[in-house]
C-alpha cells in the first residue's frame, strides 16, 4: 500500500487494499471501481463550479472532493459537502 503519511492518505498499491481504494487513513474513502464512485466525485466537483462544457483540460485536486463524494455515496449528505 502506498501512503502519504504526512497527510494520512492512501492510494492503491496492493494487499490488503483493492486496486481502486483511495482515502484517508482515518476518515473518508472510496473504491473507484464501484459503480457511482467516480460519479460522486464529478457531482462534488460540479457543485464547486466545475462544468464539463468545453474542450480544455482542467486540473482539480480530487482529495478536496473525497469527503463530500464519500458522504454522498453513503447517503449522508449532498455532494456539496456538510453544511456549516
Protein backbone atom coordinates (compact mmCIF):
# COMPACT_ATOMS: atom_id res chain seq x y z
CA UNK A 1 0.00 0.00 0.00
CA UNK A 2 1.33 3.39 -0.94
CA UNK A 3 0.70 6.04 1.63
CA UNK A 4 1.16 9.71 2.11
CA UNK A 5 1.68 9.53 5.88
CA UNK A 6 2.10 13.26 6.29
CA UNK A 7 -1.48 13.81 5.24
CA UNK A 8 -2.83 10.40 6.26
CA UNK A 9 -3.85 9.41 2.73
CA UNK A 10 -3.67 6.07 0.97
CA UNK A 11 -3.89 5.07 -2.67
CA UNK A 12 -3.97 1.72 -4.48
CA UNK A 13 -0.85 -0.32 -4.10
CA UNK A 14 -1.83 -3.92 -3.44
CA UNK A 15 -2.88 -6.01 -0.47
CA UNK A 16 -4.70 -5.52 1.80
CA UNK A 17 -6.46 -2.83 -0.25
CA UNK A 18 -8.18 -3.23 -3.58
CA UNK A 19 -6.72 -1.60 -6.65
CA UNK A 20 -9.33 1.17 -6.62
CA UNK A 21 -9.27 2.10 -2.94
CA UNK A 22 -8.36 5.69 -2.07
CA UNK A 23 -8.96 7.59 1.12
CA UNK A 24 -7.74 8.92 4.40
CA UNK A 25 -6.23 6.59 6.98
CA UNK A 26 -8.77 7.86 9.50
CA UNK A 27 -11.75 9.05 7.52
CA UNK A 28 -13.46 9.09 4.16
CA UNK A 29 -12.66 6.53 1.49
CA UNK A 30 -13.90 5.39 -1.90
CA UNK A 31 -13.32 2.42 -4.16
CA UNK A 32 -13.05 3.96 -7.61
CA UNK A 33 -14.10 0.65 -9.21
CA UNK A 34 -17.53 0.68 -7.51
CA UNK A 35 -20.46 1.95 -9.57
CA UNK A 36 -21.23 5.54 -8.70
CA UNK A 37 -17.92 6.41 -7.01
CA UNK A 38 -16.49 8.46 -9.87
CA UNK A 39 -19.94 9.97 -10.46
CA UNK A 40 -19.97 11.15 -6.85
CA UNK A 41 -16.59 12.85 -7.42
CA UNK A 42 -17.89 14.52 -10.59
CA UNK A 43 -21.01 15.70 -8.75
CA UNK A 44 -18.90 17.13 -5.93
CA UNK A 45 -16.72 18.96 -8.47
CA UNK A 46 -19.82 20.26 -10.22
CA UNK A 47 -21.24 21.75 -7.03
CA UNK A 48 -17.94 23.61 -6.61
CA UNK A 49 -18.13 25.21 -10.03
CA UNK A 50 -16.61 22.67 -12.43
CA UNK A 51 -18.52 22.24 -15.68
CA UNK A 52 -17.96 19.58 -18.34
CA UNK A 53 -18.51 22.12 -21.13
CA UNK A 54 -15.70 22.99 -23.48
CA UNK A 55 -12.67 21.08 -24.60
CA UNK A 56 -9.99 22.44 -22.34
CA UNK A 57 -8.14 20.50 -19.69
CA UNK A 58 -8.99 21.38 -16.10
CA UNK A 59 -6.96 20.14 -13.16
CA UNK A 60 -8.77 19.67 -9.84
CA UNK A 61 -7.30 18.23 -6.67
CA UNK A 62 -9.50 15.19 -6.09
CA UNK A 63 -8.52 14.99 -2.43
CA UNK A 64 -10.52 18.17 -1.85
CA UNK A 65 -13.62 16.32 -3.16
CA UNK A 66 -13.15 12.98 -1.40
CA UNK A 67 -15.05 13.63 1.82
CA UNK A 68 -18.08 15.11 0.05
CA UNK A 69 -18.14 12.29 -2.51
CA UNK A 70 -17.82 9.57 0.14
CA UNK A 71 -20.59 11.15 2.21
CA UNK A 72 -22.85 11.36 -0.86
CA UNK A 73 -22.17 7.68 -1.62
CA UNK A 74 -23.12 6.83 1.95
CA UNK A 75 -26.28 8.92 1.62
CA UNK A 76 -25.19 11.15 4.49
CA UNK A 77 -25.23 14.46 2.61
CA UNK A 78 -25.33 16.08 -0.80
CA UNK A 79 -22.20 16.29 -2.99
CA UNK A 80 -21.55 19.88 -1.87
CA UNK A 81 -20.43 18.56 1.49
CA UNK A 82 -21.61 19.25 5.01
CA UNK A 83 -23.39 22.49 5.72
CA UNK A 84 -21.67 24.76 8.22
